[in-house]
Amino acid sequence: MSRTIALTNALDESGLTPNPDRSAPAGPDTPAPAPVADISRYHHPHFLRAEPGPHHTTTFSFTAFTGREPEPRTPIAMYEDRALDRRQLEAIRTQYEVAQILWSKARLRLRAEPVLRTAAPLWAAWETAHTQLTEVFGAFWETPDGMWRAQLLRLGDAETVALDAARVWDAVAGKLAVLAEEQAAVAGYEHELPLTEVASEAGIDASAWFIAPVNEYGDGVWSTTTPLVHRARTEIAVQRGRLLDVAVLAGDREPV
């Protein structure tokens, strides 16, 4: 199976960017153009062809990457090859740029899929814990005055479960954030492959998952609050604030 990608870089029939000078009519004293050097020896092993596409683009075709290959690197030898002109050097560089994009996406799929499968039940656990937290807090609207302390105990338990689930989720989400950042760093953010797309290809619905940018997960030394834990703590603080307001309004001597 081959993969293609289009970049804005029109080619002529030789697979190179057109040279405006070649469009001028040749006169009797015009020297014959120098023979075009063969660049095929610099092709990436997965490269198949480059073809003109619509809207001044070029479609590059490669055999499928697995993600296990070494990262495609522009051959150093081409810079020492005096037979190559500037357009040919640019054509090779562009080819390897496309190869890097396709390779980075293949590597993300390879590395992220097992992590996504691990993450799926952990997100479900967080959703269950969060729903329980919301329901226990909402039950205060129907709890008689004499039963509030018991309901507060239930709320404390629900808070603990929710925070634990958030910590576990953030641990796996941080790994996914690192993988996504590595892919974008190689391909460029304009060619970023969303984790939701990788998950969908694996039959996993990750559309509701909360995965923050990689820098929000910290290094475990300078940052102690990870993104979902922070969100959960904020929600818990709001709930406790409401309960404290009720205690004050009711004139309770011991605040919640």
Protein backbone atom coordinates (compact mmCIF):
# COMPACT_ATOMS: atom_id res chain seq x y z
CA MET A 1 0.00 0.00 0.00
CA SER A 2 1.39 3.39 -0.95
CA ARG A 3 0.78 6.73 0.71
CA THR A 4 0.74 10.12 -0.93
CA ILE A 5 0.99 13.71 0.21
CA ALA A 6 0.75 16.95 -1.76
CA LEU A 7 2.96 19.99 -1.26
CA THR A 8 2.94 23.35 -3.02
CA ASN A 9 5.89 22.83 -5.35
CA ALA A 10 5.11 22.59 -9.06
CA LEU A 11 7.29 20.24 -11.12
CA ASP A 12 8.15 20.02 -14.76
CA GLU A 13 8.33 16.76 -16.69
CA SER A 14 11.69 15.93 -15.15
CA GLY A 15 10.30 16.05 -11.64
CA LEU A 16 11.98 19.37 -10.88
CA THR A 17 10.69 22.86 -10.24
CA PRO A 18 10.39 24.63 -13.61
CA ASN A 19 13.23 26.98 -14.50
CA PRO A 20 11.90 30.23 -16.07
CA ASP A 21 15.05 30.51 -18.20
CA ARG A 22 14.14 27.29 -20.05
CA SER A 23 10.94 28.85 -21.36
CA ALA A 24 12.89 31.36 -23.52
CA PRO A 25 13.25 30.39 -27.20
CA ALA A 26 16.66 29.07 -28.12
CA GLY A 27 18.67 31.14 -30.63
CA PRO A 28 21.42 30.00 -32.95
CA ASP A 29 24.07 31.11 -30.50
CA THR A 30 22.34 29.65 -27.46
CA PRO A 31 24.51 26.92 -25.94
CA ALA A 32 22.95 23.52 -25.46
CA PRO A 33 21.66 22.98 -21.93
CA ALA A 34 23.81 20.91 -19.67
CA PRO A 35 22.62 17.34 -19.22
CA VAL A 36 20.38 16.85 -16.19
CA ALA A 37 22.08 14.80 -13.49
CA ASP A 38 20.35 11.64 -12.32
CA ILE A 39 19.10 12.12 -8.75
CA SER A 40 17.58 8.67 -8.39
CA ARG A 41 20.53 7.46 -6.33
CA TYR A 42 19.47 9.93 -3.64
CA HIS A 43 15.85 8.79 -3.52
CA HIS A 44 14.54 7.51 -0.22
CA PRO A 45 14.05 3.70 -0.34
CA HIS A 46 10.26 4.18 0.00
CA PHE A 47 10.02 6.84 -2.70
CA LEU A 48 7.89 5.92 -5.73
CA ARG A 49 7.27 9.06 -7.77
CA ALA A 50 6.51 12.79 -7.76
CA GLU A 51 3.73 14.05 -10.01
CA PRO A 52 2.24 17.48 -10.75
CA GLY A 53 -0.99 17.98 -8.84
CA PRO A 54 -3.78 20.57 -8.91
CA HIS A 55 -3.32 24.18 -7.81
CA HIS A 56 0.46 24.26 -8.26
CA THR A 57 1.08 21.30 -5.98
CA THR A 58 3.17 18.19 -6.31
CA THR A 59 1.94 14.80 -5.18
CA PHE A 60 4.67 12.60 -3.71
CA SER A 61 4.04 8.87 -3.50
CA PHE A 62 5.85 6.48 -1.16
CA THR A 63 5.38 2.88 -0.17
CA ALA A 64 3.80 2.75 3.27
CA PHE A 65 6.01 3.43 6.28
CA THR A 66 5.72 1.22 9.34
CA GLY A 67 7.23 3.69 11.80
CA ARG A 68 10.01 1.25 12.62
CA GLU A 69 12.35 2.64 9.97
CA PRO A 70 15.10 5.13 10.84
CA GLU A 71 13.95 8.72 10.54
CA PRO A 72 14.38 9.86 6.91
CA ARG A 73 17.39 12.17 6.62
CA THR A 74 18.49 14.15 3.60
CA PRO A 75 21.65 12.41 2.23
CA ILE A 76 24.73 14.40 3.18
CA ALA A 77 26.48 13.22 0.01
CA MET A 78 24.16 15.23 -2.22
CA TYR A 79 25.59 18.51 -0.89
CA GLU A 80 29.02 17.43 -2.12
CA ASP A 81 27.73 16.35 -5.54
CA ARG A 82 28.73 19.16 -7.92
CA ALA A 83 26.67 17.61 -10.72
CA LEU A 84 23.47 18.65 -8.94
CA ASP A 85 22.08 22.13 -9.42
CA ARG A 86 20.03 24.14 -6.95
CA ARG A 87 16.68 22.88 -8.27
CA GLN A 88 17.72 19.26 -7.94
CA LEU A 89 18.97 19.79 -4.42
CA GLU A 90 15.64 21.38 -3.54
CA ALA A 91 13.76 18.48 -5.14
CA ILE A 92 15.64 15.99 -2.99
CA ARG A 93 15.15 18.06 0.16
CA THR A 94 11.42 18.28 -0.53
CA GLN A 95 11.22 14.53 -1.09
CA TYR A 96 12.78 13.86 2.30
CA GLU A 97 10.57 16.45 3.95
CA VAL A 98 7.54 14.51 2.73
CA ALA A 99 9.15 11.22 3.80
CA GLN A 100 9.61 12.63 7.31
CA ILE A 101 5.95 13.64 7.48
CA LEU A 102 4.71 10.20 6.44
CA TRP A 103 7.22 8.41 8.67
CA SER A 104 6.28 10.53 11.69
CA LYS A 105 2.62 9.66 11.24
CA ALA A 106 3.39 5.97 10.89
CA ARG A 107 5.54 6.07 14.02
CA LEU A 108 2.78 7.83 15.97
CA ARG A 109 0.27 5.18 14.92
CA LEU A 110 2.70 2.43 15.91
CA ARG A 111 3.52 3.88 19.32
CA ALA A 112 0.20 5.44 20.25
CA GLU A 113 -2.17 2.56 19.53
CA PRO A 114 -1.19 0.38 22.53
CA VAL A 115 -1.25 3.43 24.81
CA LEU A 116 -4.68 4.41 23.47
CA ARG A 117 -5.99 0.92 24.23
CA THR A 118 -4.64 1.22 27.77
CA ALA A 119 -6.17 4.68 28.10
CA ALA A 120 -9.71 3.78 27.01
CA PRO A 121 -10.82 2.05 30.25
CA LEU A 122 -9.04 4.69 32.34
CA TRP A 123 -11.06 7.45 30.73
CA ALA A 124 -14.20 5.41 31.32
CA ALA A 125 -13.21 5.10 34.99
CA TRP A 126 -12.75 8.86 35.23
CA GLU A 127 -16.14 9.50 33.63
CA THR A 128 -17.78 7.12 36.10
CA ALA A 129 -16.02 8.76 39.05
CA HIS A 130 -16.87 12.25 37.83
CA THR A 131 -20.52 11.33 37.32
CA GLN A 132 -20.63 9.94 40.86
CA LEU A 133 -19.06 13.14 42.23
CA THR A 134 -21.65 15.25 40.45
CA GLU A 135 -24.55 13.09 41.58
CA VAL A 136 -23.43 12.98 45.22
CA PHE A 137 -23.10 16.75 45.32
CA GLY A 138 -26.46 17.19 43.58
CA ALA A 139 -28.10 14.97 46.22
CA PHE A 140 -27.61 17.74 48.81
CA TRP A 141 -30.65 19.47 47.29
CA GLU A 142 -32.77 16.53 48.49
CA THR A 143 -30.91 15.69 51.73
CA PRO A 144 -32.70 16.54 55.01
CA ASP A 145 -30.78 18.69 57.50
CA GLY A 146 -30.21 15.78 59.85
CA MET A 147 -28.54 13.74 57.11
CA TRP A 148 -26.03 16.30 55.83
CA ARG A 149 -23.06 14.91 57.73
CA ALA A 150 -23.63 11.47 56.24
CA GLN A 151 -23.92 13.04 52.80
CA LEU A 152 -20.68 14.96 53.43
CA LEU A 153 -18.95 11.65 54.07
CA ARG A 154 -20.28 10.34 50.77
CA LEU A 155 -19.03 13.47 49.05
CA GLY A 156 -15.56 13.06 50.58
CA ASP A 157 -15.40 9.50 49.31
CA ALA A 158 -16.52 10.60 45.85
CA GLU A 159 -13.86 13.33 45.83
CA THR A 160 -11.14 10.81 46.66
CA VAL A 161 -12.24 8.41 43.92
CA ALA A 162 -12.47 11.23 41.36
CA LEU A 163 -9.03 12.62 42.20
CA ASP A 164 -7.47 9.16 42.06
CA ALA A 165 -9.07 8.51 38.66
CA ALA A 166 -7.85 11.90 37.42
CA ARG A 167 -4.28 11.14 38.51
CA VAL A 168 -4.31 7.78 36.77
CA TRP A 169 -5.74 9.37 33.62
CA ASP A 170 -3.17 12.16 33.59
CA ALA A 171 -0.36 9.61 33.77
CA VAL A 172 -1.45 7.95 30.52
CA ALA A 173 -2.58 11.21 28.90
CA GLY A 174 0.88 12.64 29.52
CA LYS A 175 2.40 9.76 27.57
CA LEU A 176 0.04 10.39 24.67
CA ALA A 177 0.83 14.10 24.76
CA VAL A 178 4.54 13.32 24.45
CA LEU A 179 3.94 11.07 21.44
CA ALA A 180 1.77 13.69 19.74
CA GLU A 181 4.37 16.39 20.36
CA GLU A 182 7.15 14.23 18.93
CA GLN A 183 5.15 13.67 15.74
CA ALA A 184 4.39 17.37 15.29
CA ALA A 185 8.01 18.29 16.00
CA VAL A 186 9.16 16.12 13.08
CA ALA A 187 6.38 16.86 10.59
CA GLY A 188 5.57 20.46 11.51
CA TYR A 189 2.34 21.50 13.18
CA GLU A 190 0.66 22.04 9.83
CA HIS A 191 1.01 18.26 9.30
CA GLU A 192 0.05 17.23 12.83
CA LEU A 193 -1.82 13.91 13.08
CA PRO A 194 -4.56 14.22 15.73
CA LEU A 195 -4.63 11.49 18.36
CA THR A 196 -8.39 11.29 17.90
CA GLU A 197 -7.78 10.23 14.30
CA VAL A 198 -5.26 7.59 15.33
CA ALA A 199 -7.74 6.33 17.93
CA SER A 200 -10.58 6.24 15.41
CA GLU A 201 -8.44 4.15 13.04
CA ALA A 202 -7.99 1.69 15.91
CA GLY A 203 -11.72 1.59 16.62
CA ILE A 204 -11.53 3.77 19.73
CA ASP A 205 -13.69 6.84 20.30
CA ALA A 206 -11.41 9.39 21.95
CA SER A 207 -13.42 12.45 20.95
CA ALA A 208 -14.26 13.34 24.57
CA TRP A 209 -10.84 12.61 26.07
CA PHE A 210 -9.00 15.39 27.84
CA ILE A 211 -5.38 15.47 26.72
CA ALA A 212 -3.63 18.77 27.39
CA PRO A 213 -0.50 20.10 25.64
CA VAL A 214 2.62 18.25 26.73
CA ASN A 215 4.06 21.21 28.67
CA GLU A 216 1.10 21.13 31.08
CA TYR A 217 2.10 17.75 32.46
CA GLY A 218 5.35 19.02 33.94
CA ASP A 219 8.32 16.89 34.83
CA GLY A 220 7.08 15.54 38.14
CA VAL A 221 9.50 17.80 40.04
CA TRP A 222 8.42 21.40 39.47
CA SER A 223 4.78 20.63 38.76
CA THR A 224 2.61 18.64 41.15
CA THR A 225 -0.83 19.29 39.65
CA THR A 226 -1.54 17.71 36.28
CA PRO A 227 -4.32 18.97 33.97
CA LEU A 228 -7.28 16.72 34.83
CA VAL A 229 -6.36 16.72 38.52
CA HIS A 230 -6.39 20.52 38.40
CA ARG A 231 -9.79 20.50 36.72
CA ALA A 232 -11.16 18.07 39.32
CA ARG A 233 -9.76 20.07 42.23
CA THR A 234 -11.26 23.24 40.83
CA GLU A 235 -14.68 21.61 40.56
CA ILE A 236 -14.39 20.23 44.10
CA ALA A 237 -13.43 23.66 45.41
CA VAL A 238 -16.52 25.17 43.78
CA GLN A 239 -18.73 22.50 45.35
CA ARG A 240 -17.24 23.01 48.78
CA GLY A 241 -17.66 26.76 48.41
CA ARG A 242 -21.38 26.28 47.80
CA LEU A 243 -21.67 24.06 50.88
CA LEU A 244 -19.79 26.61 52.96
CA ASP A 245 -22.14 29.34 51.77
CA VAL A 246 -25.09 27.22 52.92
CA ALA A 247 -23.45 26.65 56.31
CA VAL A 248 -22.91 30.37 56.79
CA LEU A 249 -26.44 31.24 55.70
CA ALA A 250 -27.82 28.58 58.06
CA GLY A 251 -25.78 29.98 60.95
CA ASP A 252 -23.89 26.77 61.56
CA ARG A 253 -21.09 27.25 64.09
CA GLU A 254 -18.92 24.65 62.44
CA PRO A 255 -18.37 25.43 58.75
CA VAL A 256 -18.34 22.59 56.25
